[in-house]
Amino acid sequence: MGEIHQRDPTEVIRLETKAILRNNESRKYQLFRLHIYPENIETVPKDIIANVSGVIPQVMRVPKRLDEYSPSELKEFPKLFDWPEDYHVAPLSPIAMKLATKNSK
């Protein structure tokens, strides 16, 4: 491995990556897309550095929980229908009970 590293410092990493990848048709394309640069960050082209980010973007925003909505937001939320007066519902969960008591104040 020492003589390979003397010829091309990136070849050792490339060979190890090739050994780890499965032997299928996509392997050569994955190796083609692998960018390895010797030494330090100064040898990496500026266009590649511009595409590097330390943060993975969030796919979807996190929805608000029911207890995070204000009473005015809950009142403004459109209803599909109104429940009949004689309709009996199951007991509320502890979170819903807390929200119901907070809204009634």
C-alpha atoms as a PDB file:
ATOM      1  CA  MET A   1       0.000   0.000   0.000  1.00  0.00           C
ATOM      2  CA  GLY A   2       2.935   2.343   0.632  1.00  0.00           C
ATOM      3  CA  GLU A   3       3.996   2.404  -3.021  1.00  0.00           C
ATOM      4  CA  ILE A   4       0.397   2.994  -4.142  1.00  0.00           C
ATOM      5  CA  HIS A   5       0.181   5.920  -1.742  1.00  0.00           C
ATOM      6  CA  GLN A   6       3.474   7.275  -3.116  1.00  0.00           C
ATOM      7  CA  ARG A   7       2.095   7.243  -6.687  1.00  0.00           C
ATOM      8  CA  ASP A   8      -1.379   8.608  -5.895  1.00  0.00           C
ATOM      9  CA  PRO A   9      -2.413   9.536  -2.333  1.00  0.00           C
ATOM     10  CA  THR A  10      -6.108   9.169  -3.165  1.00  0.00           C
ATOM     11  CA  GLU A  11      -5.844   5.666  -4.646  1.00  0.00           C
ATOM     12  CA  VAL A  12      -5.829   3.903  -1.257  1.00  0.00           C
ATOM     13  CA  ILE A  13      -9.173   5.477  -0.335  1.00  0.00           C
ATOM     14  CA  ARG A  14     -10.567   4.699  -3.780  1.00  0.00           C
ATOM     15  CA  LEU A  15      -9.554   1.013  -3.541  1.00  0.00           C
ATOM     16  CA  GLU A  16     -11.015   0.641  -0.033  1.00  0.00           C
ATOM     17  CA  THR A  17     -14.274   2.270  -1.143  1.00  0.00           C
ATOM     18  CA  LYS A  18     -14.393  -0.032  -4.164  1.00  0.00           C
ATOM     19  CA  ALA A  19     -13.945  -3.061  -1.894  1.00  0.00           C
ATOM     20  CA  ILE A  20     -16.848  -1.991   0.330  1.00  0.00           C
ATOM     21  CA  LEU A  21     -19.331  -1.291  -2.485  1.00  0.00           C
ATOM     22  CA  ARG A  22     -21.417  -4.148  -3.837  1.00  0.00           C
ATOM     23  CA  ASN A  23     -20.328  -5.598  -7.151  1.00  0.00           C
ATOM     24  CA  ASN A  24     -23.223  -4.488  -9.330  1.00  0.00           C
ATOM     25  CA  GLU A  25     -23.845  -2.119 -12.224  1.00  0.00           C
ATOM     26  CA  SER A  26     -24.165   0.989 -10.072  1.00  0.00           C
ATOM     27  CA  ARG A  27     -20.739   0.477  -8.486  1.00  0.00           C
ATOM     28  CA  LYS A  28     -18.782   2.101 -11.302  1.00  0.00           C
ATOM     29  CA  TYR A  29     -21.129   5.109 -11.341  1.00  0.00           C
ATOM     30  CA  GLN A  30     -20.813   5.518  -7.581  1.00  0.00           C
ATOM     31  CA  LEU A  31     -17.038   5.386  -7.862  1.00  0.00           C
ATOM     32  CA  PHE A  32     -17.180   7.880 -10.727  1.00  0.00           C
ATOM     33  CA  ARG A  33     -19.101  10.311  -8.499  1.00  0.00           C
ATOM     34  CA  LEU A  34     -16.655   9.889  -5.606  1.00  0.00           C
ATOM     35  CA  HIS A  35     -14.475  12.984  -5.245  1.00  0.00           C
ATOM     36  CA  ILE A  36     -11.275  12.451  -3.275  1.00  0.00           C
ATOM     37  CA  TYR A  37      -8.655  15.183  -2.900  1.00  0.00           C
ATOM     38  CA  PRO A  38      -5.197  14.806  -1.373  1.00  0.00           C
ATOM     39  CA  GLU A  39      -3.866  16.882   1.500  1.00  0.00           C
ATOM     40  CA  ASN A  40      -6.266  19.521   2.824  1.00  0.00           C
ATOM     41  CA  ILE A  41      -9.178  21.770   1.931  1.00  0.00           C
ATOM     42  CA  GLU A  42      -7.082  24.141  -0.199  1.00  0.00           C
ATOM     43  CA  THR A  43      -6.851  21.486  -2.935  1.00  0.00           C
ATOM     44  CA  VAL A  44     -10.649  21.147  -3.268  1.00  0.00           C
ATOM     45  CA  PRO A  45     -12.152  23.231  -6.115  1.00  0.00           C
ATOM     46  CA  LYS A  46     -14.327  26.199  -5.107  1.00  0.00           C
ATOM     47  CA  ASP A  47     -17.438  24.896  -6.933  1.00  0.00           C
ATOM     48  CA  ILE A  48     -17.342  21.681  -4.872  1.00  0.00           C
ATOM     49  CA  ILE A  49     -16.837  23.606  -1.617  1.00  0.00           C
ATOM     50  CA  ALA A  50     -19.911  25.704  -2.491  1.00  0.00           C
ATOM     51  CA  ASN A  51     -22.050  22.533  -2.618  1.00  0.00           C
ATOM     52  CA  VAL A  52     -20.824  21.168   0.723  1.00  0.00           C
ATOM     53  CA  SER A  53     -23.084  21.797   3.686  1.00  0.00           C
ATOM     54  CA  GLY A  54     -22.907  20.621   7.260  1.00  0.00           C
ATOM     55  CA  VAL A  55     -26.680  20.710   7.612  1.00  0.00           C
ATOM     56  CA  ILE A  56     -29.144  18.259   6.109  1.00  0.00           C
ATOM     57  CA  PRO A  57     -32.212  20.257   5.044  1.00  0.00           C
ATOM     58  CA  GLN A  58     -35.450  19.353   6.750  1.00  0.00           C
ATOM     59  CA  VAL A  59     -37.865  17.639   4.364  1.00  0.00           C
ATOM     60  CA  MET A  60     -41.085  18.684   6.078  1.00  0.00           C
ATOM     61  CA  ARG A  61     -41.726  21.304   8.721  1.00  0.00           C
ATOM     62  CA  VAL A  62     -42.744  19.958  12.110  1.00  0.00           C
ATOM     63  CA  PRO A  63     -46.482  20.496  12.728  1.00  0.00           C
ATOM     64  CA  LYS A  64     -47.700  22.274  15.838  1.00  0.00           C
ATOM     65  CA  ARG A  65     -49.175  20.192  18.640  1.00  0.00           C
ATOM     66  CA  LEU A  66     -52.802  20.742  19.581  1.00  0.00           C
ATOM     67  CA  ASP A  67     -51.882  22.424  22.853  1.00  0.00           C
ATOM     68  CA  GLU A  68     -49.638  24.929  21.017  1.00  0.00           C
ATOM     69  CA  TYR A  69     -52.579  26.526  19.182  1.00  0.00           C
ATOM     70  CA  SER A  70     -54.158  29.607  20.725  1.00  0.00           C
ATOM     71  CA  PRO A  71     -57.901  29.591  21.482  1.00  0.00           C
ATOM     72  CA  SER A  72     -58.499  32.096  18.684  1.00  0.00           C
ATOM     73  CA  GLU A  73     -56.720  29.822  16.187  1.00  0.00           C
ATOM     74  CA  LEU A  74     -58.843  26.874  17.310  1.00  0.00           C
ATOM     75  CA  LYS A  75     -62.049  28.900  16.895  1.00  0.00           C
ATOM     76  CA  GLU A  76     -60.999  30.082  13.413  1.00  0.00           C
ATOM     77  CA  PHE A  77     -60.200  26.564  12.243  1.00  0.00           C
ATOM     78  CA  PRO A  78     -62.887  25.439   9.764  1.00  0.00           C
ATOM     79  CA  LYS A  79     -65.302  22.746  10.922  1.00  0.00           C
ATOM     80  CA  LEU A  80     -66.647  20.095   8.604  1.00  0.00           C
ATOM     81  CA  PHE A  81     -69.810  19.671  10.668  1.00  0.00           C
ATOM     82  CA  ASP A  82     -71.242  20.328  14.113  1.00  0.00           C
ATOM     83  CA  TRP A  83     -71.861  17.434  16.442  1.00  0.00           C
ATOM     84  CA  PRO A  84     -75.465  16.897  17.599  1.00  0.00           C
ATOM     85  CA  GLU A  85     -76.253  17.927  21.169  1.00  0.00           C
ATOM     86  CA  ASP A  86     -77.089  14.369  22.233  1.00  0.00           C
ATOM     87  CA  TYR A  87     -73.855  12.891  20.802  1.00  0.00           C
ATOM     88  CA  HIS A  88     -71.702  11.251  23.498  1.00  0.00           C
ATOM     89  CA  VAL A  89     -67.956  11.358  23.036  1.00  0.00           C
ATOM     90  CA  ALA A  90     -65.264   9.312  24.722  1.00  0.00           C
ATOM     91  CA  PRO A  91     -63.466  10.877  27.693  1.00  0.00           C
ATOM     92  CA  LEU A  92     -60.767  13.340  26.691  1.00  0.00           C
ATOM     93  CA  SER A  93     -57.082  12.545  26.956  1.00  0.00           C
ATOM     94  CA  PRO A  94     -55.064  14.425  29.615  1.00  0.00           C
ATOM     95  CA  ILE A  95     -53.687  16.829  26.990  1.00  0.00           C
ATOM     96  CA  ALA A  96     -57.136  17.550  25.591  1.00  0.00           C
ATOM     97  CA  MET A  97     -58.518  18.046  29.127  1.00  0.00           C
ATOM     98  CA  LYS A  98     -55.781  20.563  29.874  1.00  0.00           C
ATOM     99  CA  LEU A  99     -56.532  22.366  26.617  1.00  0.00           C
ATOM    100  CA  ALA A 100     -60.277  22.354  27.279  1.00  0.00           C
ATOM    101  CA  THR A 101     -59.821  23.853  30.739  1.00  0.00           C
ATOM    102  CA  LYS A 102     -57.371  26.432  29.376  1.00  0.00           C
ATOM    103  CA  ASN A 103     -59.856  27.487  26.648  1.00  0.00           C
ATOM    104  CA  SER A 104     -62.799  27.764  29.028  1.00  0.00           C
ATOM    105  CA  LYS A 105     -61.034  30.360  31.209  1.00  0.00           C
END
